[in-house]
Amino acid sequence: MLGFIDAAEGAYNALAGAANEALTFSGVEAGEMDVGFFASEDLMAQKLVTYGLKFDLPMPEARELVKPAAPGSDPEKPPILK
């Protein structure tokens, strides 16, 4: 059993697919694995934390949106004319 606790709702399919690929390429013949998604308040989540192995996944870094500026629009950086 592979349980994800407090996973982002939009990531369920991607996480289950990644677990499936890991099992496929593991070399285990006829391997099967259950994947579940639980809220931290669920009883099953508490049991997984108590009896299972825990791997903390890193939080993604917030990305800054960079807007391209037109050449010559910044007076601090005038265009170089040849």
C-alpha atoms as a PDB file:
ATOM      1  CA  MET A   1       0.000   0.000   0.000  1.00  0.00           C
ATOM      2  CA  LEU A   2       1.260   3.422  -0.943  1.00  0.00           C
ATOM      3  CA  GLY A   3      -0.648   6.195   0.795  1.00  0.00           C
ATOM      4  CA  PHE A   4      -0.395   9.880   0.014  1.00  0.00           C
ATOM      5  CA  ILE A   5      -1.459  12.159   2.844  1.00  0.00           C
ATOM      6  CA  ASP A   6      -2.725  15.671   2.073  1.00  0.00           C
ATOM      7  CA  ALA A   7      -1.757  15.501  -1.607  1.00  0.00           C
ATOM      8  CA  ALA A   8      -2.964  18.352  -3.814  1.00  0.00           C
ATOM      9  CA  GLU A   9      -6.272  17.385  -5.429  1.00  0.00           C
ATOM     10  CA  GLY A  10      -5.065  18.033  -8.967  1.00  0.00           C
ATOM     11  CA  ALA A  11      -2.076  15.733  -8.481  1.00  0.00           C
ATOM     12  CA  TYR A  12      -3.915  12.453  -7.794  1.00  0.00           C
ATOM     13  CA  ASN A  13      -3.693  11.085 -11.332  1.00  0.00           C
ATOM     14  CA  ALA A  14      -0.044  12.112 -11.748  1.00  0.00           C
ATOM     15  CA  LEU A  15       0.981  10.533  -8.430  1.00  0.00           C
ATOM     16  CA  ALA A  16      -0.890   7.298  -9.135  1.00  0.00           C
ATOM     17  CA  GLY A  17       0.644   7.183 -12.626  1.00  0.00           C
ATOM     18  CA  ALA A  18       4.139   7.709 -11.229  1.00  0.00           C
ATOM     19  CA  ALA A  19       3.597   4.889  -8.728  1.00  0.00           C
ATOM     20  CA  ASN A  20       2.397   2.660 -11.561  1.00  0.00           C
ATOM     21  CA  GLU A  21       5.489   3.436 -13.652  1.00  0.00           C
ATOM     22  CA  ALA A  22       7.800   2.786 -10.709  1.00  0.00           C
ATOM     23  CA  LEU A  23       6.183  -0.630 -10.196  1.00  0.00           C
ATOM     24  CA  THR A  24       6.299  -1.399 -13.926  1.00  0.00           C
ATOM     25  CA  PHE A  25      10.025  -0.701 -14.180  1.00  0.00           C
ATOM     26  CA  SER A  26      10.924  -2.281 -10.820  1.00  0.00           C
ATOM     27  CA  GLY A  27      11.350  -5.721 -12.354  1.00  0.00           C
ATOM     28  CA  VAL A  28       8.913  -7.365  -9.951  1.00  0.00           C
ATOM     29  CA  GLU A  29       6.937  -9.929 -11.918  1.00  0.00           C
ATOM     30  CA  ALA A  30       3.163  -9.731 -11.405  1.00  0.00           C
ATOM     31  CA  GLY A  31       3.626  -6.958  -8.860  1.00  0.00           C
ATOM     32  CA  GLU A  32       0.582  -5.175  -7.539  1.00  0.00           C
ATOM     33  CA  MET A  33       0.269  -2.139  -5.337  1.00  0.00           C
ATOM     34  CA  ASP A  34      -2.658  -0.241  -3.893  1.00  0.00           C
ATOM     35  CA  VAL A  35      -2.461   3.558  -3.960  1.00  0.00           C
ATOM     36  CA  GLY A  36      -4.624   5.655  -1.655  1.00  0.00           C
ATOM     37  CA  PHE A  37      -5.088   9.338  -0.947  1.00  0.00           C
ATOM     38  CA  PHE A  38      -5.982  10.423   2.573  1.00  0.00           C
ATOM     39  CA  ALA A  39      -6.542  13.616   4.525  1.00  0.00           C
ATOM     40  CA  SER A  40      -4.339  13.977   7.608  1.00  0.00           C
ATOM     41  CA  GLU A  41      -7.455  13.781   9.818  1.00  0.00           C
ATOM     42  CA  ASP A  42      -8.422  10.312   8.505  1.00  0.00           C
ATOM     43  CA  LEU A  43      -7.976   7.277  10.757  1.00  0.00           C
ATOM     44  CA  MET A  44      -6.138   5.443   7.965  1.00  0.00           C
ATOM     45  CA  ALA A  45      -3.658   8.310   7.646  1.00  0.00           C
ATOM     46  CA  GLN A  46      -2.897   8.087  11.372  1.00  0.00           C
ATOM     47  CA  LYS A  47      -2.306   4.328  11.054  1.00  0.00           C
ATOM     48  CA  LEU A  48      -0.009   4.836   8.075  1.00  0.00           C
ATOM     49  CA  VAL A  49       2.034   7.399  10.011  1.00  0.00           C
ATOM     50  CA  THR A  50       2.254   5.076  13.014  1.00  0.00           C
ATOM     51  CA  TYR A  51       3.096   1.804  11.243  1.00  0.00           C
ATOM     52  CA  GLY A  52       4.423   2.748   7.815  1.00  0.00           C
ATOM     53  CA  LEU A  53       7.545   4.257   6.355  1.00  0.00           C
ATOM     54  CA  LYS A  54       7.364   7.999   5.784  1.00  0.00           C
ATOM     55  CA  PHE A  55       8.882   9.978   2.936  1.00  0.00           C
ATOM     56  CA  ASP A  56       8.405  13.736   2.922  1.00  0.00           C
ATOM     57  CA  LEU A  57       8.062  15.122  -0.577  1.00  0.00           C
ATOM     58  CA  PRO A  58       9.573  18.573  -1.143  1.00  0.00           C
ATOM     59  CA  MET A  59       7.223  21.487  -1.690  1.00  0.00           C
ATOM     60  CA  PRO A  60       7.585  23.089  -5.121  1.00  0.00           C
ATOM     61  CA  GLU A  61       9.186  26.505  -5.156  1.00  0.00           C
ATOM     62  CA  ALA A  62       7.024  29.444  -6.125  1.00  0.00           C
ATOM     63  CA  ARG A  63       7.919  30.642  -9.592  1.00  0.00           C
ATOM     64  CA  GLU A  64       8.135  34.274 -10.492  1.00  0.00           C
ATOM     65  CA  LEU A  65       6.491  35.295 -13.709  1.00  0.00           C
ATOM     66  CA  VAL A  66       8.925  37.200 -15.888  1.00  0.00           C
ATOM     67  CA  LYS A  67       7.390  39.531 -18.417  1.00  0.00           C
ATOM     68  CA  PRO A  68       9.574  40.248 -21.428  1.00  0.00           C
ATOM     69  CA  ALA A  69      10.287  43.945 -21.953  1.00  0.00           C
ATOM     70  CA  ALA A  70      10.532  45.574 -25.340  1.00  0.00           C
ATOM     71  CA  PRO A  71      14.053  46.706 -26.299  1.00  0.00           C
ATOM     72  CA  GLY A  72      14.631  50.326 -25.338  1.00  0.00           C
ATOM     73  CA  SER A  73      11.694  50.495 -22.913  1.00  0.00           C
ATOM     74  CA  ASP A  74      13.943  50.655 -19.821  1.00  0.00           C
ATOM     75  CA  PRO A  75      15.625  54.073 -19.519  1.00  0.00           C
ATOM     76  CA  GLU A  76      18.277  52.554 -17.231  1.00  0.00           C
ATOM     77  CA  LYS A  77      19.338  50.167 -20.011  1.00  0.00           C
ATOM     78  CA  PRO A  78      19.211  52.000 -23.343  1.00  0.00           C
ATOM     79  CA  PRO A  79      19.736  49.980 -26.531  1.00  0.00           C
ATOM     80  CA  ILE A  80      23.266  49.729 -27.918  1.00  0.00           C
ATOM     81  CA  LEU A  81      23.385  51.261 -31.375  1.00  0.00           C
ATOM     82  CA  LYS A  82      26.181  50.333 -33.762  1.00  0.00           C
END
